[in-house]
């Protein structure tokens, strides 16, 4: 089987490495969303972090999925921090949580998260606009059909009266 051309669209720029080509992406993105940590996500997916970073630089769809996974991870982290701030940490619980580090991470990535949220809102806005345009096109067709009917002599009201009494 021939090696994929690294320059071709969608090709994995580093096809050799622990996991079969392309099969590491979904586990990597899922772990990235869960942990917000590239090293942890790479370990979970069995792929070197450098390979993931290279693919992010060369494949826009993967870069977009990466940003979405990070956004999800940071939203989860925000919820965890808010929960702990509202209800406190269990004193003898097994899970240790470093609020200061979490807040520092959130601060460092605030701009990235804001950009991704704005991008998602623009996509939603585009869908709304497309829906409105489709509805307007449907209404135009209905109006055009009604006007066409009204201009036909046999359907005009004054013509109908003459033929009924004629």
N, C-alpha and C. Protein backbone atom coordinates (compact mmCIF):
# COMPACT_ATOMS: atom_id res chain seq x y z
N UNK A 1 0.85 -1.19 0.00
CA UNK A 1 0.00 0.00 0.00
C UNK A 1 0.88 1.23 0.00
N UNK A 2 0.61 2.19 -0.87
CA UNK A 2 1.43 3.39 -1.00
C UNK A 2 1.21 4.33 0.17
N UNK A 3 2.27 5.04 0.53
CA UNK A 3 2.17 6.05 1.59
C UNK A 3 1.37 7.24 1.07
N UNK A 4 0.52 7.85 1.88
CA UNK A 4 -0.22 9.03 1.40
C UNK A 4 0.72 10.20 1.20
N UNK A 5 0.36 11.03 0.24
CA UNK A 5 1.15 12.23 -0.01
C UNK A 5 0.87 13.25 1.07
N UNK A 6 1.91 13.65 1.88
CA UNK A 6 1.67 14.59 2.97
C UNK A 6 1.13 15.93 2.51
N UNK A 7 1.34 16.26 1.24
CA UNK A 7 0.87 17.56 0.75
C UNK A 7 -0.59 17.51 0.32
N UNK A 8 -1.16 16.30 0.19
CA UNK A 8 -2.54 16.23 -0.28
C UNK A 8 -3.50 16.63 0.83
N UNK A 9 -4.65 17.22 0.45
CA UNK A 9 -5.62 17.66 1.46
C UNK A 9 -6.11 16.48 2.29
N UNK A 10 -6.17 16.67 3.58
CA UNK A 10 -6.67 15.64 4.47
C UNK A 10 -5.65 14.59 4.84
N UNK A 11 -4.46 14.64 4.21
CA UNK A 11 -3.45 13.65 4.54
C UNK A 11 -2.84 13.94 5.90
N UNK A 12 -2.54 12.90 6.61
CA UNK A 12 -1.89 13.04 7.90
C UNK A 12 -0.42 13.33 7.62
N UNK A 13 0.14 14.46 8.07
CA UNK A 13 1.50 14.83 7.72
C UNK A 13 2.54 13.91 8.35
N UNK A 14 2.16 13.06 9.25
CA UNK A 14 3.11 12.17 9.90
C UNK A 14 2.44 10.80 10.05
N UNK A 15 2.39 10.00 8.96
CA UNK A 15 1.60 8.80 9.01
C UNK A 15 2.15 7.71 9.92
N UNK A 16 3.42 7.76 10.27
CA UNK A 16 3.97 6.73 11.15
C UNK A 16 3.82 7.14 12.60
N UNK A 17 3.64 6.21 13.47
CA UNK A 17 3.50 6.51 14.89
C UNK A 17 2.49 5.56 15.51
N UNK A 18 2.41 5.53 16.79
CA UNK A 18 1.67 4.55 17.56
C UNK A 18 0.32 4.12 17.03
N UNK A 19 -0.48 4.97 16.48
CA UNK A 19 -1.86 4.63 16.14
C UNK A 19 -2.03 4.67 14.62
N UNK A 20 -2.92 3.85 14.10
CA UNK A 20 -3.18 3.84 12.67
C UNK A 20 -3.59 5.23 12.21
N UNK A 21 -3.24 5.50 10.96
CA UNK A 21 -3.48 6.83 10.41
C UNK A 21 -4.92 7.28 10.56
N UNK A 22 -5.11 8.47 11.11
CA UNK A 22 -6.44 9.07 11.23
C UNK A 22 -7.27 8.53 12.37
N UNK A 23 -6.99 7.33 12.86
CA UNK A 23 -7.82 6.74 13.91
C UNK A 23 -7.56 7.37 15.26
N UNK A 24 -6.51 8.12 15.38
CA UNK A 24 -6.19 8.76 16.66
C UNK A 24 -6.92 10.08 16.83
N UNK A 25 -7.45 10.62 15.78
CA UNK A 25 -8.01 11.98 15.84
C UNK A 25 -9.21 12.08 16.79
N UNK A 26 -10.19 11.20 16.63
CA UNK A 26 -11.39 11.27 17.48
C UNK A 26 -11.05 11.06 18.96
N UNK A 27 -10.24 10.04 19.31
CA UNK A 27 -9.87 9.91 20.73
C UNK A 27 -9.08 11.11 21.24
N UNK A 28 -8.22 11.67 20.39
CA UNK A 28 -7.43 12.84 20.78
C UNK A 28 -8.36 14.02 21.08
N UNK A 29 -9.31 14.29 20.17
CA UNK A 29 -10.22 15.43 20.36
C UNK A 29 -11.13 15.22 21.56
N UNK A 30 -11.58 13.99 21.77
CA UNK A 30 -12.42 13.71 22.94
C UNK A 30 -11.65 13.95 24.24
N UNK A 31 -10.40 13.48 24.27
CA UNK A 31 -9.58 13.68 25.47
C UNK A 31 -9.22 15.15 25.64
N UNK A 32 -9.03 15.86 24.54
CA UNK A 32 -8.73 17.30 24.62
C UNK A 32 -9.92 18.05 25.20
N UNK A 33 -11.11 17.67 24.79
CA UNK A 33 -12.33 18.31 25.33
C UNK A 33 -12.48 17.99 26.81
N UNK A 34 -12.08 16.80 27.20
CA UNK A 34 -12.23 16.39 28.60
C UNK A 34 -11.17 17.02 29.50
N UNK A 35 -9.95 17.16 28.98
CA UNK A 35 -8.84 17.58 29.84
C UNK A 35 -8.34 18.99 29.58
N UNK A 36 -8.59 19.53 28.40
CA UNK A 36 -8.01 20.81 27.96
C UNK A 36 -6.49 20.76 27.99
N UNK A 37 -5.94 19.57 27.79
CA UNK A 37 -4.49 19.37 27.92
C UNK A 37 -4.01 18.54 26.73
N UNK A 38 -3.15 19.15 25.89
CA UNK A 38 -2.68 18.49 24.68
C UNK A 38 -1.84 17.26 25.03
N UNK A 39 -0.98 17.36 26.03
CA UNK A 39 -0.15 16.22 26.41
C UNK A 39 -1.01 15.04 26.86
N UNK A 40 -2.00 15.31 27.69
CA UNK A 40 -2.89 14.24 28.17
C UNK A 40 -3.70 13.66 27.01
N UNK A 41 -4.17 14.52 26.11
CA UNK A 41 -4.95 14.05 24.96
C UNK A 41 -4.09 13.20 24.04
N UNK A 42 -2.84 13.60 23.84
CA UNK A 42 -1.92 12.83 23.01
C UNK A 42 -1.66 11.46 23.62
N UNK A 43 -1.44 11.43 24.92
CA UNK A 43 -1.21 10.15 25.60
C UNK A 43 -2.45 9.26 25.49
N UNK A 44 -3.62 9.82 25.66
CA UNK A 44 -4.86 9.04 25.58
C UNK A 44 -5.08 8.48 24.18
N UNK A 45 -4.67 9.22 23.16
CA UNK A 45 -4.87 8.80 21.77
C UNK A 45 -3.71 7.98 21.24
N UNK A 46 -2.62 7.92 22.01
CA UNK A 46 -1.45 7.15 21.56
C UNK A 46 -0.74 7.79 20.38
N UNK A 47 -0.67 9.10 20.39
CA UNK A 47 -0.04 9.83 19.29
C UNK A 47 0.90 10.88 19.88
N UNK A 48 2.06 11.10 19.27
CA UNK A 48 2.94 12.16 19.78
C UNK A 48 2.28 13.54 19.65
N UNK A 49 2.48 14.37 20.64
CA UNK A 49 1.88 15.71 20.61
C UNK A 49 2.32 16.49 19.38
N UNK A 50 3.58 16.33 18.99
CA UNK A 50 4.10 17.03 17.80
C UNK A 50 3.32 16.69 16.55
N UNK A 51 2.89 15.45 16.44
CA UNK A 51 2.11 15.02 15.28
C UNK A 51 0.76 15.75 15.27
N UNK A 52 0.14 15.85 16.43
CA UNK A 52 -1.14 16.56 16.52
C UNK A 52 -0.96 18.04 16.18
N UNK A 53 0.09 18.65 16.71
CA UNK A 53 0.34 20.06 16.41
C UNK A 53 0.60 20.27 14.91
N UNK A 54 1.36 19.38 14.27
CA UNK A 54 1.62 19.50 12.82
C UNK A 54 0.32 19.41 12.03
N UNK A 55 -0.52 18.45 12.41
CA UNK A 55 -1.78 18.30 11.69
C UNK A 55 -2.66 19.53 11.88
N UNK A 56 -2.63 20.09 13.07
CA UNK A 56 -3.42 21.30 13.33
C UNK A 56 -2.95 22.44 12.43
N UNK A 57 -1.64 22.54 12.20
CA UNK A 57 -1.11 23.61 11.35
C UNK A 57 -1.45 23.41 9.88
N UNK A 58 -1.59 22.16 9.44
CA UNK A 58 -1.74 21.90 8.01
C UNK A 58 -3.16 21.58 7.57
N UNK A 59 -4.05 21.24 8.51
CA UNK A 59 -5.41 20.84 8.13
C UNK A 59 -6.44 21.72 8.84
N UNK A 60 -7.06 22.65 8.12
CA UNK A 60 -8.00 23.58 8.74
C UNK A 60 -9.16 22.90 9.46
N UNK A 61 -9.68 21.80 8.92
CA UNK A 61 -10.80 21.13 9.59
C UNK A 61 -10.38 20.57 10.95
N UNK A 62 -9.18 20.01 11.01
CA UNK A 62 -8.68 19.49 12.28
C UNK A 62 -8.43 20.65 13.25
N UNK A 63 -7.90 21.75 12.75
CA UNK A 63 -7.67 22.93 13.60
C UNK A 63 -8.99 23.44 14.16
N UNK A 64 -10.05 23.43 13.34
CA UNK A 64 -11.37 23.87 13.79
C UNK A 64 -11.91 22.92 14.86
N UNK A 65 -11.74 21.62 14.65
CA UNK A 65 -12.20 20.63 15.63
C UNK A 65 -11.40 20.75 16.93
N UNK A 66 -10.13 21.07 16.82
CA UNK A 66 -9.27 21.27 17.99
C UNK A 66 -9.80 22.44 18.81
N UNK A 67 -10.08 23.56 18.14
CA UNK A 67 -10.59 24.74 18.85
C UNK A 67 -11.93 24.44 19.51
N UNK A 68 -12.78 23.70 18.81
CA UNK A 68 -14.09 23.34 19.38
C UNK A 68 -13.91 22.45 20.61
N UNK A 69 -12.96 21.52 20.56
CA UNK A 69 -12.70 20.64 21.71
C UNK A 69 -12.18 21.45 22.88
N UNK A 70 -11.28 22.39 22.61
CA UNK A 70 -10.77 23.23 23.69
C UNK A 70 -11.88 24.10 24.27
N UNK A 71 -12.74 24.61 23.42
CA UNK A 71 -13.86 25.42 23.91
C UNK A 71 -14.73 24.58 24.85
N UNK A 72 -15.03 23.36 24.44
CA UNK A 72 -15.82 22.48 25.29
C UNK A 72 -15.10 22.22 26.61
N UNK A 73 -13.79 21.96 26.53
CA UNK A 73 -13.01 21.71 27.74
C UNK A 73 -13.01 22.90 28.68
N UNK A 74 -12.86 24.09 28.12
CA UNK A 74 -12.84 25.29 28.97
C UNK A 74 -14.23 25.60 29.53
N UNK A 75 -15.26 25.30 28.78
CA UNK A 75 -16.61 25.47 29.32
C UNK A 75 -16.83 24.51 30.49
N UNK A 76 -16.36 23.26 30.34
CA UNK A 76 -16.45 22.30 31.45
C UNK A 76 -15.66 22.78 32.66
N UNK A 77 -14.46 23.29 32.40
CA UNK A 77 -13.62 23.79 33.48
C UNK A 77 -14.28 24.97 34.20
N UNK A 78 -14.88 25.86 33.42
CA UNK A 78 -15.60 26.98 34.03
C UNK A 78 -16.71 26.50 34.94
N UNK A 79 -17.45 25.49 34.47
CA UNK A 79 -18.55 24.95 35.28
C UNK A 79 -18.02 24.32 36.56
N UNK A 80 -16.90 23.60 36.46
CA UNK A 80 -16.30 22.99 37.65
C UNK A 80 -15.86 24.06 38.65
N UNK A 81 -15.22 25.10 38.14
CA UNK A 81 -14.75 26.18 39.02
C UNK A 81 -15.95 26.86 39.68
N UNK A 82 -16.98 27.16 38.90
CA UNK A 82 -18.17 27.79 39.47
C UNK A 82 -18.81 26.90 40.53
N UNK A 83 -18.88 25.62 40.25
CA UNK A 83 -19.47 24.70 41.22
C UNK A 83 -18.68 24.73 42.54
N UNK A 84 -17.36 24.67 42.43
CA UNK A 84 -16.52 24.67 43.63
C UNK A 84 -16.58 26.00 44.37
N UNK A 85 -16.68 27.09 43.61
CA UNK A 85 -16.79 28.39 44.27
C UNK A 85 -18.13 28.52 45.00
N UNK A 86 -19.18 27.95 44.42
CA UNK A 86 -20.50 28.04 45.05
C UNK A 86 -20.68 27.07 46.21
N UNK A 87 -20.17 25.84 46.03
CA UNK A 87 -20.46 24.80 47.01
C UNK A 87 -19.24 24.31 47.77
N UNK A 88 -18.04 24.81 47.42
CA UNK A 88 -16.83 24.41 48.13
C UNK A 88 -16.31 23.05 47.70
N UNK A 89 -15.12 22.72 48.20
CA UNK A 89 -14.48 21.44 47.93
C UNK A 89 -14.78 20.47 49.06
N UNK A 90 -14.96 19.20 48.73
CA UNK A 90 -15.10 18.23 49.82
C UNK A 90 -13.79 18.15 50.60
N UNK A 91 -13.87 18.10 51.91
CA UNK A 91 -12.67 18.10 52.76
C UNK A 91 -11.89 16.80 52.65
N UNK A 92 -12.57 15.68 52.59
CA UNK A 92 -11.86 14.41 52.57
C UNK A 92 -12.09 13.66 51.25
N UNK A 93 -12.48 14.37 50.22
CA UNK A 93 -12.72 13.73 48.93
C UNK A 93 -11.42 13.32 48.26
N UNK A 94 -11.52 12.37 47.34
CA UNK A 94 -10.34 11.88 46.64
C UNK A 94 -9.87 12.86 45.57
N UNK A 95 -10.78 13.60 44.98
CA UNK A 95 -10.43 14.50 43.89
C UNK A 95 -9.87 15.79 44.46
N UNK A 96 -8.68 16.12 44.04
CA UNK A 96 -8.07 17.40 44.43
C UNK A 96 -8.23 18.35 43.24
N UNK A 97 -8.55 19.57 43.52
CA UNK A 97 -8.78 20.54 42.45
C UNK A 97 -8.02 21.82 42.80
N UNK A 98 -7.21 22.28 41.87
CA UNK A 98 -6.42 23.48 42.08
C UNK A 98 -7.15 24.66 41.43
N UNK A 99 -7.93 25.37 42.23
CA UNK A 99 -8.72 26.50 41.71
C UNK A 99 -7.84 27.58 41.10
N UNK A 100 -6.70 27.87 41.73
CA UNK A 100 -5.82 28.93 41.22
C UNK A 100 -5.31 28.60 39.83
N UNK A 101 -4.89 27.36 39.62
CA UNK A 101 -4.40 26.95 38.30
C UNK A 101 -5.54 26.97 37.30
N UNK A 102 -6.71 26.51 37.69
CA UNK A 102 -7.86 26.53 36.79
C UNK A 102 -8.19 27.95 36.36
N UNK A 103 -8.21 28.86 37.30
CA UNK A 103 -8.51 30.26 36.96
C UNK A 103 -7.43 30.86 36.07
N UNK A 104 -6.17 30.52 36.34
CA UNK A 104 -5.06 31.01 35.52
C UNK A 104 -5.20 30.48 34.08
N UNK A 105 -5.53 29.19 33.94
CA UNK A 105 -5.74 28.61 32.61
C UNK A 105 -6.88 29.29 31.88
N UNK A 106 -7.98 29.49 32.58
CA UNK A 106 -9.12 30.17 31.96
C UNK A 106 -8.73 31.57 31.49
N UNK A 107 -7.96 32.27 32.30
CA UNK A 107 -7.51 33.61 31.92
C UNK A 107 -6.61 33.60 30.71
N UNK A 108 -5.71 32.63 30.64
CA UNK A 108 -4.79 32.54 29.52
C UNK A 108 -5.52 32.27 28.20
N UNK A 109 -6.59 31.54 28.27
CA UNK A 109 -7.28 31.14 27.04
C UNK A 109 -8.58 31.89 26.82
N UNK A 110 -8.81 32.94 27.56
CA UNK A 110 -10.05 33.70 27.43
C UNK A 110 -10.25 34.20 26.01
N UNK A 111 -9.21 34.75 25.41
CA UNK A 111 -9.34 35.31 24.06
C UNK A 111 -9.65 34.22 23.03
N UNK A 112 -8.97 33.07 23.15
CA UNK A 112 -9.22 31.97 22.22
C UNK A 112 -10.66 31.49 22.35
N UNK A 113 -11.13 31.35 23.57
CA UNK A 113 -12.50 30.89 23.81
C UNK A 113 -13.49 31.93 23.28
N UNK A 114 -13.21 33.19 23.50
CA UNK A 114 -14.11 34.25 23.01
C UNK A 114 -14.18 34.23 21.49
N UNK A 115 -13.03 34.01 20.83
CA UNK A 115 -13.01 33.94 19.37
C UNK A 115 -13.83 32.75 18.87
N UNK A 116 -13.67 31.60 19.51
CA UNK A 116 -14.40 30.40 19.09
C UNK A 116 -15.90 30.58 19.32
N UNK A 117 -16.28 31.17 20.44
CA UNK A 117 -17.70 31.41 20.69
C UNK A 117 -18.28 32.36 19.65
N UNK A 118 -17.51 33.40 19.30
CA UNK A 118 -17.98 34.35 18.28
C UNK A 118 -18.12 33.65 16.94
N UNK A 119 -17.20 32.77 16.64
CA UNK A 119 -17.28 32.01 15.38
C UNK A 119 -18.53 31.16 15.35
N UNK A 120 -18.83 30.48 16.46
CA UNK A 120 -20.04 29.66 16.52
C UNK A 120 -21.29 30.51 16.39
N UNK A 121 -21.30 31.68 17.01
CA UNK A 121 -22.46 32.56 16.91
C UNK A 121 -22.64 33.03 15.48
N UNK A 122 -21.53 33.29 14.77
CA UNK A 122 -21.64 33.70 13.37
C UNK A 122 -22.21 32.58 12.53
N UNK A 123 -21.83 31.33 12.82
CA UNK A 123 -22.40 30.20 12.10
C UNK A 123 -23.89 30.13 12.36
N UNK A 124 -24.30 30.32 13.60
CA UNK A 124 -25.72 30.31 13.93
C UNK A 124 -26.44 31.44 13.21
N UNK A 125 -25.81 32.61 13.17
CA UNK A 125 -26.38 33.76 12.49
C UNK A 125 -26.54 33.46 11.00
N UNK A 126 -25.55 32.80 10.42
CA UNK A 126 -25.62 32.46 8.99
C UNK A 126 -26.78 31.49 8.74
N UNK A 127 -27.00 30.56 9.64
CA UNK A 127 -28.11 29.62 9.48
C UNK A 127 -29.45 30.35 9.57
N UNK A 128 -29.56 31.29 10.48
CA UNK A 128 -30.79 32.07 10.62
C UNK A 128 -31.03 32.89 9.36
N UNK A 129 -29.98 33.52 8.85
CA UNK A 129 -30.13 34.31 7.63
C UNK A 129 -30.56 33.43 6.45
N UNK A 130 -29.96 32.25 6.34
CA UNK A 130 -30.32 31.34 5.25
C UNK A 130 -31.78 30.92 5.37
N UNK A 131 -32.24 30.67 6.58
CA UNK A 131 -33.63 30.29 6.80
C UNK A 131 -34.57 31.43 6.40
N UNK A 132 -34.21 32.65 6.75
CA UNK A 132 -35.02 33.82 6.40
C UNK A 132 -35.06 33.98 4.88
N UNK A 133 -33.90 33.83 4.23
CA UNK A 133 -33.85 33.96 2.77
C UNK A 133 -34.72 32.90 2.10
N UNK A 134 -34.70 31.67 2.62
CA UNK A 134 -35.53 30.61 2.05
C UNK A 134 -37.01 30.93 2.20
N UNK A 135 -37.39 31.44 3.37
CA UNK A 135 -38.79 31.81 3.61
C UNK A 135 -39.22 32.94 2.68
N UNK A 136 -38.34 33.93 2.50
CA UNK A 136 -38.65 35.04 1.59
C UNK A 136 -38.81 34.55 0.15
N UNK A 137 -37.97 33.63 -0.26
CA UNK A 137 -38.07 33.08 -1.61
C UNK A 137 -39.40 32.35 -1.79
N UNK A 138 -39.81 31.61 -0.77
CA UNK A 138 -41.09 30.89 -0.81
C UNK A 138 -42.25 31.88 -0.92
N UNK A 139 -42.21 32.95 -0.13
CA UNK A 139 -43.26 33.96 -0.18
C UNK A 139 -43.30 34.65 -1.54
N UNK A 140 -42.12 34.94 -2.13
CA UNK A 140 -42.08 35.55 -3.46
C UNK A 140 -42.75 34.66 -4.49
N UNK A 141 -42.48 33.36 -4.41
CA UNK A 141 -43.09 32.41 -5.35
C UNK A 141 -44.61 32.40 -5.19
N UNK A 142 -45.08 32.44 -3.96
CA UNK A 142 -46.53 32.45 -3.73
C UNK A 142 -47.17 33.71 -4.29
N UNK A 143 -46.54 34.86 -4.06
CA UNK A 143 -47.06 36.13 -4.57
C UNK A 143 -47.06 36.13 -6.09
N UNK A 144 -45.98 35.66 -6.68
CA UNK A 144 -45.88 35.60 -8.15
C UNK A 144 -46.97 34.70 -8.72
N UNK A 145 -47.19 33.54 -8.08
CA UNK A 145 -48.22 32.62 -8.56
C UNK A 145 -49.60 33.25 -8.43
N UNK A 146 -49.87 33.94 -7.33
CA UNK A 146 -51.18 34.58 -7.13
C UNK A 146 -51.38 35.68 -8.17
N UNK A 147 -50.35 36.47 -8.44
CA UNK A 147 -50.48 37.54 -9.45
C UNK A 147 -50.72 36.96 -10.83
N UNK A 148 -50.06 35.87 -11.13
CA UNK A 148 -50.24 35.23 -12.44
C UNK A 148 -51.67 34.75 -12.58
N UNK A 149 -52.22 34.20 -11.52
CA UNK A 149 -53.62 33.75 -11.54
C UNK A 149 -54.57 34.91 -11.72
N UNK A 150 -54.30 36.02 -11.05
CA UNK A 150 -55.18 37.19 -11.11
C UNK A 150 -55.17 37.84 -12.48
N UNK A 151 -54.11 37.70 -13.24
CA UNK A 151 -54.04 38.35 -14.56
C UNK A 151 -54.68 37.52 -15.66
N UNK A 152 -54.98 36.24 -15.40
CA UNK A 152 -55.66 35.40 -16.39
C UNK A 152 -57.12 35.83 -16.47
N UNK A 153 -57.66 36.06 -17.66
CA UNK A 153 -59.04 36.58 -17.80
C UNK A 153 -60.09 35.70 -17.13
N UNK A 154 -59.97 34.41 -17.21
CA UNK A 154 -61.02 33.54 -16.66
C UNK A 154 -61.03 33.54 -15.13
N UNK A 155 -59.98 34.09 -14.48
CA UNK A 155 -59.96 34.07 -13.02
C UNK A 155 -60.22 35.44 -12.43
N UNK A 156 -60.31 36.50 -13.27
CA UNK A 156 -60.58 37.82 -12.72
C UNK A 156 -62.03 37.90 -12.28
N UNK A 157 -62.31 38.55 -11.15
CA UNK A 157 -63.69 38.59 -10.62
C UNK A 157 -64.69 39.17 -11.60
N UNK A 158 -64.36 40.28 -12.30
CA UNK A 158 -65.34 40.89 -13.20
C UNK A 158 -65.64 40.00 -14.39
N UNK A 159 -64.68 39.20 -14.83
CA UNK A 159 -64.89 38.28 -15.93
C UNK A 159 -65.77 37.13 -15.51
N UNK A 160 -65.58 36.64 -14.29
CA UNK A 160 -66.37 35.55 -13.78
C UNK A 160 -67.84 35.93 -13.69
N UNK A 161 -68.19 37.15 -13.27
CA UNK A 161 -69.58 37.61 -13.14
C UNK A 161 -70.27 37.62 -14.51
N UNK A 162 -69.53 38.10 -15.53
CA UNK A 162 -70.11 38.18 -16.86
C UNK A 162 -70.43 36.80 -17.40
N UNK A 163 -69.52 35.84 -17.19
CA UNK A 163 -69.75 34.51 -17.74
C UNK A 163 -70.81 33.75 -16.96
N UNK A 164 -70.99 34.05 -15.67
CA UNK A 164 -71.99 33.37 -14.86
C UNK A 164 -73.40 33.82 -15.27
N UNK A 165 -73.58 35.12 -15.54
CA UNK A 165 -74.92 35.64 -15.84
C UNK A 165 -75.21 35.67 -17.34
N UNK A 166 -74.19 35.48 -18.19
CA UNK A 166 -74.25 35.63 -19.60
C UNK A 166 -75.25 34.95 -20.35
